[in-house]
N, C-alpha and C. Protein backbone atom coordinates (compact mmCIF):
# COMPACT_ATOMS: atom_id res chain seq x y z
N MET A 1 33.46 195.59 -70.02
CA MET A 1 33.10 196.79 -69.30
C MET A 1 33.98 196.81 -68.06
N GLN A 2 34.72 197.84 -67.96
CA GLN A 2 35.57 197.99 -66.79
C GLN A 2 34.94 198.97 -65.90
N LEU A 3 34.69 198.50 -64.58
CA LEU A 3 34.02 199.42 -63.74
C LEU A 3 34.92 200.31 -62.81
N THR A 4 36.21 199.96 -62.71
CA THR A 4 37.15 200.79 -62.00
C THR A 4 38.26 201.10 -62.82
N SER A 5 38.99 202.25 -62.62
CA SER A 5 40.18 202.55 -63.41
C SER A 5 41.33 202.00 -62.70
N ALA A 6 41.89 200.99 -63.37
CA ALA A 6 43.08 200.18 -62.78
C ALA A 6 44.21 201.07 -62.66
N SER A 7 44.40 202.04 -63.60
CA SER A 7 45.60 202.95 -63.51
C SER A 7 45.56 203.80 -62.26
N LEU A 8 44.37 204.39 -61.91
CA LEU A 8 44.25 205.17 -60.78
C LEU A 8 44.53 204.40 -59.44
N VAL A 9 43.98 203.19 -59.38
CA VAL A 9 44.28 202.38 -58.23
C VAL A 9 45.73 201.98 -58.12
N THR A 10 46.40 201.69 -59.24
CA THR A 10 47.83 201.37 -59.25
C THR A 10 48.59 202.47 -58.85
N GLN A 11 48.23 203.69 -59.31
CA GLN A 11 48.97 204.91 -58.93
C GLN A 11 48.83 205.20 -57.44
N ALA A 12 47.65 205.02 -56.85
CA ALA A 12 47.43 205.25 -55.55
C ALA A 12 48.22 204.19 -54.68
N ALA A 13 48.21 202.97 -55.14
CA ALA A 13 48.93 202.00 -54.29
C ALA A 13 50.53 202.18 -54.44
N THR A 14 51.04 202.66 -55.60
CA THR A 14 52.44 202.90 -55.75
C THR A 14 52.88 204.15 -54.98
N SER A 15 52.01 205.23 -54.90
CA SER A 15 52.44 206.46 -54.21
C SER A 15 52.32 206.31 -52.74
N ALA A 16 51.43 205.35 -52.34
CA ALA A 16 51.27 205.09 -50.83
C ALA A 16 52.09 204.00 -50.29
N ALA A 17 53.03 203.48 -51.12
CA ALA A 17 53.79 202.30 -50.64
C ALA A 17 54.75 202.66 -49.47
N ASP A 18 55.16 203.87 -49.33
CA ASP A 18 56.05 204.23 -48.20
C ASP A 18 55.30 204.81 -47.01
N SER A 19 54.05 205.02 -47.18
CA SER A 19 53.28 205.58 -46.06
C SER A 19 52.59 204.59 -45.23
N PRO A 20 52.19 204.94 -44.07
CA PRO A 20 51.51 203.88 -43.24
C PRO A 20 50.14 203.52 -43.73
N GLN A 21 49.61 204.20 -44.72
CA GLN A 21 48.33 203.82 -45.31
C GLN A 21 48.40 202.87 -46.42
N ALA A 22 49.64 202.24 -46.68
CA ALA A 22 49.80 201.44 -47.85
C ALA A 22 48.94 200.17 -47.70
N ALA A 23 48.87 199.60 -46.53
CA ALA A 23 48.03 198.33 -46.38
C ALA A 23 46.57 198.71 -46.56
N ALA A 24 46.05 199.86 -46.21
CA ALA A 24 44.71 200.20 -46.47
C ALA A 24 44.40 200.40 -47.85
N VAL A 25 45.37 200.94 -48.59
CA VAL A 25 45.17 201.13 -50.10
C VAL A 25 45.14 199.80 -50.76
N LEU A 26 46.02 198.87 -50.36
CA LEU A 26 46.07 197.59 -50.96
C LEU A 26 44.80 196.72 -50.72
N VAL A 27 44.22 196.87 -49.55
CA VAL A 27 42.98 196.26 -49.24
C VAL A 27 41.79 196.84 -49.99
N LEU A 28 41.88 198.14 -50.16
CA LEU A 28 40.91 198.76 -50.95
C LEU A 28 40.92 198.35 -52.37
N ARG A 29 42.13 198.24 -52.91
CA ARG A 29 42.35 197.74 -54.24
C ARG A 29 41.78 196.41 -54.52
N LYS A 30 42.04 195.49 -53.56
CA LYS A 30 41.45 194.13 -53.62
C LYS A 30 40.00 194.14 -53.59
N ALA A 31 39.39 194.95 -52.67
CA ALA A 31 38.01 194.94 -52.51
C ALA A 31 37.29 195.55 -53.84
N LEU A 32 37.94 196.53 -54.44
CA LEU A 32 37.37 197.04 -55.73
C LEU A 32 37.50 195.94 -56.79
N GLN A 33 38.57 195.12 -56.81
CA GLN A 33 38.72 194.10 -57.79
C GLN A 33 37.57 193.07 -57.56
N TRP A 34 37.33 192.65 -56.37
CA TRP A 34 36.24 191.72 -56.09
C TRP A 34 34.91 192.27 -56.43
N GLN A 35 34.66 193.58 -56.20
CA GLN A 35 33.42 194.20 -56.52
C GLN A 35 33.26 194.23 -58.07
N GLN A 36 34.27 194.45 -58.76
CA GLN A 36 34.28 194.50 -60.27
C GLN A 36 33.86 193.14 -60.78
N GLN A 37 34.47 192.13 -60.21
CA GLN A 37 34.26 190.71 -60.66
C GLN A 37 32.81 190.35 -60.38
N SER A 38 32.32 190.73 -59.17
CA SER A 38 30.93 190.38 -58.84
C SER A 38 29.94 191.10 -59.66
N ALA A 39 30.22 192.39 -60.01
CA ALA A 39 29.34 193.10 -60.90
C ALA A 39 29.33 192.58 -62.30
N GLN A 40 30.46 192.13 -62.79
CA GLN A 40 30.47 191.48 -64.14
C GLN A 40 29.73 190.21 -64.12
N ALA A 41 29.92 189.41 -63.05
CA ALA A 41 29.19 188.19 -62.99
C ALA A 41 27.73 188.29 -62.92
N LEU A 42 27.24 189.37 -62.26
CA LEU A 42 25.82 189.66 -62.22
C LEU A 42 25.26 190.13 -63.53
N LEU A 43 26.09 190.97 -64.27
CA LEU A 43 25.64 191.47 -65.50
C LEU A 43 25.57 190.30 -66.57
N GLN A 44 26.51 189.40 -66.45
CA GLN A 44 26.48 188.25 -67.37
C GLN A 44 25.38 187.31 -67.01
N ALA A 45 24.97 187.26 -65.87
CA ALA A 45 23.86 186.30 -65.40
C ALA A 45 22.46 186.77 -65.78
N VAL A 46 22.31 188.02 -66.12
CA VAL A 46 21.03 188.60 -66.54
C VAL A 46 20.64 188.00 -67.87
N PRO A 47 19.43 187.40 -67.98
CA PRO A 47 19.08 186.87 -69.33
C PRO A 47 18.71 187.97 -70.24
N PRO A 48 18.85 187.66 -71.50
CA PRO A 48 18.51 188.75 -72.57
C PRO A 48 17.03 189.07 -72.50
N ALA A 49 16.70 190.29 -72.86
CA ALA A 49 15.34 190.75 -72.84
C ALA A 49 14.54 190.07 -73.85
N ILE A 50 13.40 189.57 -73.56
CA ILE A 50 12.46 188.99 -74.47
C ILE A 50 11.28 189.93 -74.79
N PRO A 51 11.14 190.23 -76.00
CA PRO A 51 10.02 191.22 -76.35
C PRO A 51 8.69 190.48 -75.96
N THR A 52 7.89 191.18 -75.19
CA THR A 52 6.56 190.66 -74.77
C THR A 52 5.44 191.19 -75.57
N ALA A 53 5.62 192.31 -76.23
CA ALA A 53 4.52 192.92 -77.01
C ALA A 53 4.59 192.32 -78.47
N PRO A 54 3.46 191.99 -78.94
CA PRO A 54 3.45 191.46 -80.35
C PRO A 54 3.82 192.57 -81.30
N THR A 55 4.41 192.27 -82.40
CA THR A 55 4.76 193.20 -83.37
C THR A 55 3.67 193.51 -84.30
N GLY A 56 3.58 194.63 -84.92
CA GLY A 56 2.55 194.96 -85.85
C GLY A 56 1.40 195.71 -85.19
N ALA A 57 0.57 196.24 -85.98
CA ALA A 57 -0.55 197.10 -85.42
C ALA A 57 -1.67 196.13 -85.00
N LEU A 58 -2.22 196.42 -83.87
CA LEU A 58 -3.39 195.64 -83.35
C LEU A 58 -4.68 196.43 -83.67
N PRO A 59 -5.75 195.78 -84.09
CA PRO A 59 -6.96 196.47 -84.36
C PRO A 59 -7.60 196.87 -83.06
N LEU A 60 -8.41 198.08 -83.21
CA LEU A 60 -9.14 198.55 -82.08
C LEU A 60 -10.33 197.75 -81.83
N ALA A 61 -10.87 197.70 -80.65
CA ALA A 61 -12.11 196.96 -80.32
C ALA A 61 -13.24 197.60 -81.08
N SER A 62 -14.13 196.83 -81.55
CA SER A 62 -15.29 197.40 -82.29
C SER A 62 -16.51 197.71 -81.38
N GLU A 63 -16.50 197.19 -80.13
CA GLU A 63 -17.65 197.48 -79.28
C GLU A 63 -17.14 197.40 -77.81
N GLY A 64 -17.99 197.98 -77.00
CA GLY A 64 -17.61 197.97 -75.52
C GLY A 64 -17.06 199.35 -75.08
N PRO A 65 -16.97 199.58 -73.86
CA PRO A 65 -16.45 200.93 -73.34
C PRO A 65 -14.97 201.10 -73.45
N LEU A 66 -14.14 199.94 -73.49
CA LEU A 66 -12.71 200.05 -73.52
C LEU A 66 -12.13 199.62 -74.80
N GLY A 67 -11.02 200.20 -75.16
CA GLY A 67 -10.33 199.74 -76.46
C GLY A 67 -10.90 200.20 -77.73
N THR A 68 -11.79 201.15 -77.68
CA THR A 68 -12.36 201.57 -78.97
C THR A 68 -11.51 202.74 -79.52
N ARG A 69 -10.74 203.45 -78.74
CA ARG A 69 -9.93 204.58 -79.22
C ARG A 69 -8.39 204.35 -79.11
N LEU A 70 -8.02 203.45 -78.20
CA LEU A 70 -6.58 203.38 -77.91
C LEU A 70 -6.26 201.94 -77.47
N ASN A 71 -5.25 201.35 -78.11
CA ASN A 71 -4.84 200.04 -77.61
C ASN A 71 -3.76 200.24 -76.48
N VAL A 72 -3.93 199.58 -75.36
CA VAL A 72 -2.95 199.70 -74.28
C VAL A 72 -2.52 198.29 -73.99
N MET A 73 -1.21 198.09 -74.06
CA MET A 73 -0.63 196.83 -73.69
C MET A 73 0.04 196.94 -72.37
N ALA A 74 -0.22 196.12 -71.44
CA ALA A 74 0.45 196.16 -70.07
C ALA A 74 1.53 195.14 -70.02
């Protein structure tokens, strides 16, 4: 998953090479690369989702004021 468009950043850095803003564009490019690497590391560090709800139909309660019409899993 690529979070930034490398071609757009490269075009901006190339077109701004002769202008006084070239250093700022290069710093921005490096910052975006660091941000992309950090975001990828965070996404890879997230553990896979573990299903918490049991599969299959659960029977309704047979007595009491709650659970006789609808099963609610929190």
